[in-house]
Amino acid sequence: MLLINDDIELCLAAGAAGVHLGQSDTSLVQARRTLGPDAIIGITCHNRDELVVKAEQEGASYIALGRFFPSETKPDAPAANLNDLRRVRQLTTLPIVAIGGVTADNGGALLDLGADMLAVIHYLFAKPDVKKRAEALAQLFA
């Protein structure tokens, strides 16, 4: 399944399953109107309860929370902590993606506290052993 980051037009052109939106991107309502009821549309909520509630009300397919750990990819992204994840898990039934400095060593704690998915860039691609790192991440879901 392919999700496109921040670009509804590219999502349509590529025939992707959906799009992930940041808070400064196209609105979730507009994305849903453009992509239709079956598209997967996720939105970043950082660690803010009001954004989680809004995402749920506007029909998000999932939410993303974080940055949980120091991030090489987005070092200035708003921080979230494990208590934020625990609190948001009680607030919503939407699937939660945990993002920000995620590795095979810390991803298990995020899953244990209620994350359904992990978004990973730097840990996976910063070193030449991508396959080994991907397998280590996959084991967290086994």
Protein backbone atom coordinates (compact mmCIF):
# COMPACT_ATOMS: atom_id res chain seq x y z
CA MET A 1 0.00 0.00 0.00
CA LEU A 2 1.37 3.41 -0.96
CA LEU A 3 0.64 6.59 1.02
CA ILE A 4 1.91 9.92 -0.27
CA ASN A 5 3.21 12.54 2.14
CA ASP A 6 1.62 16.00 1.89
CA ASP A 7 0.58 15.92 -1.78
CA ILE A 8 -3.02 15.16 -2.73
CA GLU A 9 -2.46 15.74 -6.45
CA LEU A 10 0.46 13.29 -6.50
CA CYS A 11 -1.67 10.81 -4.56
CA LEU A 12 -4.32 10.99 -7.28
CA ALA A 13 -1.80 10.82 -10.13
CA ALA A 14 -0.01 7.83 -8.61
CA GLY A 15 -3.20 5.96 -7.77
CA ALA A 16 -1.96 5.73 -4.19
CA ALA A 17 -4.14 4.40 -1.39
CA GLY A 18 -4.03 7.70 0.44
CA VAL A 19 -2.14 10.62 1.85
CA HIS A 20 -0.54 11.76 5.08
CA LEU A 21 -1.08 15.40 6.03
CA GLY A 22 0.81 17.70 8.35
CA GLN A 23 -0.94 20.49 10.21
CA SER A 24 0.15 23.07 7.62
CA ASP A 25 -0.97 21.03 4.59
CA THR A 26 -4.36 20.78 2.91
CA SER A 27 -7.19 20.32 5.39
CA LEU A 28 -8.37 16.83 6.17
CA VAL A 29 -11.89 17.79 5.06
CA GLN A 30 -10.61 18.97 1.66
CA ALA A 31 -8.45 15.87 1.27
CA ARG A 32 -11.42 13.62 2.02
CA ARG A 33 -13.59 15.55 -0.44
CA THR A 34 -10.93 15.22 -3.16
CA LEU A 35 -9.81 11.64 -2.53
CA GLY A 36 -13.15 10.12 -1.56
CA PRO A 37 -14.49 8.03 1.30
CA ASP A 38 -12.24 5.01 0.74
CA ALA A 39 -8.91 6.85 0.75
CA ILE A 40 -6.59 6.41 3.70
CA ILE A 41 -5.96 9.84 5.16
CA GLY A 42 -3.72 10.33 8.15
CA ILE A 43 -2.81 13.51 9.93
CA THR A 44 -0.08 14.59 12.29
CA CYS A 45 -1.37 15.62 15.71
CA HIS A 46 1.99 16.00 17.50
CA ASN A 47 0.93 15.54 21.14
CA ARG A 48 -2.17 17.75 21.17
CA ASP A 49 -5.47 16.31 22.34
CA GLU A 50 -7.55 18.93 20.51
CA LEU A 51 -5.94 17.94 17.20
CA VAL A 52 -6.70 14.28 17.91
CA VAL A 53 -10.37 15.06 18.59
CA LYS A 54 -10.58 17.22 15.46
CA ALA A 55 -8.95 14.50 13.34
CA GLU A 56 -11.46 11.96 14.57
CA GLN A 57 -14.40 14.31 13.94
CA GLU A 58 -13.19 15.10 10.42
CA GLY A 59 -12.81 11.47 9.40
CA ALA A 60 -9.09 10.72 9.66
CA SER A 61 -8.10 7.13 9.01
CA TYR A 62 -5.24 7.36 11.49
CA ILE A 63 -3.24 9.91 13.46
CA ALA A 64 0.49 10.40 13.89
CA LEU A 65 2.01 11.43 17.21
CA GLY A 66 5.53 12.49 18.00
CA ARG A 67 8.48 13.22 17.89
CA PHE A 68 9.03 10.74 20.73
CA PHE A 69 12.82 10.63 20.65
CA PRO A 70 15.54 12.91 19.27
CA SER A 71 15.19 12.90 15.49
CA GLU A 72 17.84 13.35 12.83
CA THR A 73 15.17 13.85 10.17
CA LYS A 74 13.08 16.51 11.94
CA PRO A 75 15.09 17.67 14.94
CA ASP A 76 12.84 20.68 15.57
CA ALA A 77 9.53 18.80 15.44
CA PRO A 78 7.39 19.26 18.56
CA ALA A 79 8.30 16.74 21.25
CA ALA A 80 5.94 14.12 22.64
CA ASN A 81 6.56 11.65 25.44
CA LEU A 82 5.36 8.22 26.43
CA ASN A 83 2.74 9.71 28.76
CA ASP A 84 1.31 11.62 25.79
CA LEU A 85 0.97 8.35 23.89
CA ARG A 86 -0.72 6.66 26.83
CA ARG A 87 -3.16 9.58 27.22
CA VAL A 88 -4.02 9.80 23.51
CA ARG A 89 -4.55 6.03 23.31
CA GLN A 90 -7.33 6.48 25.92
CA LEU A 91 -8.75 9.42 23.97
CA THR A 92 -9.21 7.79 20.55
CA THR A 93 -9.84 4.50 18.82
CA LEU A 94 -8.08 5.69 15.65
CA PRO A 95 -4.89 3.84 14.78
CA ILE A 96 -1.83 5.70 16.06
CA VAL A 97 1.47 6.06 14.22
CA ALA A 98 4.42 6.90 16.47
CA ILE A 99 7.15 8.96 14.82
CA GLY A 100 10.40 10.63 15.72
CA GLY A 101 13.69 8.93 16.46
CA VAL A 102 12.12 5.47 16.35
CA THR A 103 14.52 2.51 16.34
CA ALA A 104 14.28 -1.23 16.92
CA ASP A 105 15.48 -0.56 20.47
CA ASN A 106 12.76 1.94 21.44
CA GLY A 107 9.89 1.01 19.11
CA GLY A 108 8.65 -1.80 21.34
CA ALA A 109 7.87 0.63 24.16
CA LEU A 110 5.77 2.72 21.78
CA LEU A 111 3.83 -0.34 20.63
CA ASP A 112 3.35 -1.49 24.24
CA LEU A 113 1.81 1.86 25.13
CA GLY A 114 -0.69 1.82 22.28
CA ALA A 115 0.96 2.79 19.03
CA ASP A 116 -0.32 0.67 16.15
CA MET A 117 2.37 1.62 13.63
CA LEU A 118 5.87 3.08 13.62
CA ALA A 119 7.15 5.67 11.15
CA VAL A 120 10.89 5.30 10.61
CA ILE A 121 13.34 7.06 8.31
CA HIS A 122 16.79 7.70 9.75
CA TYR A 123 17.22 4.45 11.69
CA LEU A 124 16.30 2.46 8.61
CA PHE A 125 18.22 4.31 5.90
CA ALA A 126 21.19 6.01 7.60
CA LYS A 127 23.39 2.90 7.49
CA PRO A 128 24.05 0.35 4.73
CA ASP A 129 22.37 -2.56 6.57
CA VAL A 130 18.80 -1.57 5.64
CA LYS A 131 17.55 -5.17 5.35
CA LYS A 132 18.85 -6.10 8.81
CA ARG A 133 17.30 -3.00 10.36
CA ALA A 134 13.99 -3.58 8.58
CA GLU A 135 13.92 -7.14 9.89
CA ALA A 136 14.61 -5.90 13.43
CA LEU A 137 11.70 -3.48 13.15
CA ALA A 138 9.43 -6.17 11.72
CA GLN A 139 10.19 -8.39 14.72
CA LEU A 140 8.57 -5.78 16.96
CA PHE A 141 5.25 -6.67 15.34
CA ALA A 142 5.71 -10.46 15.44
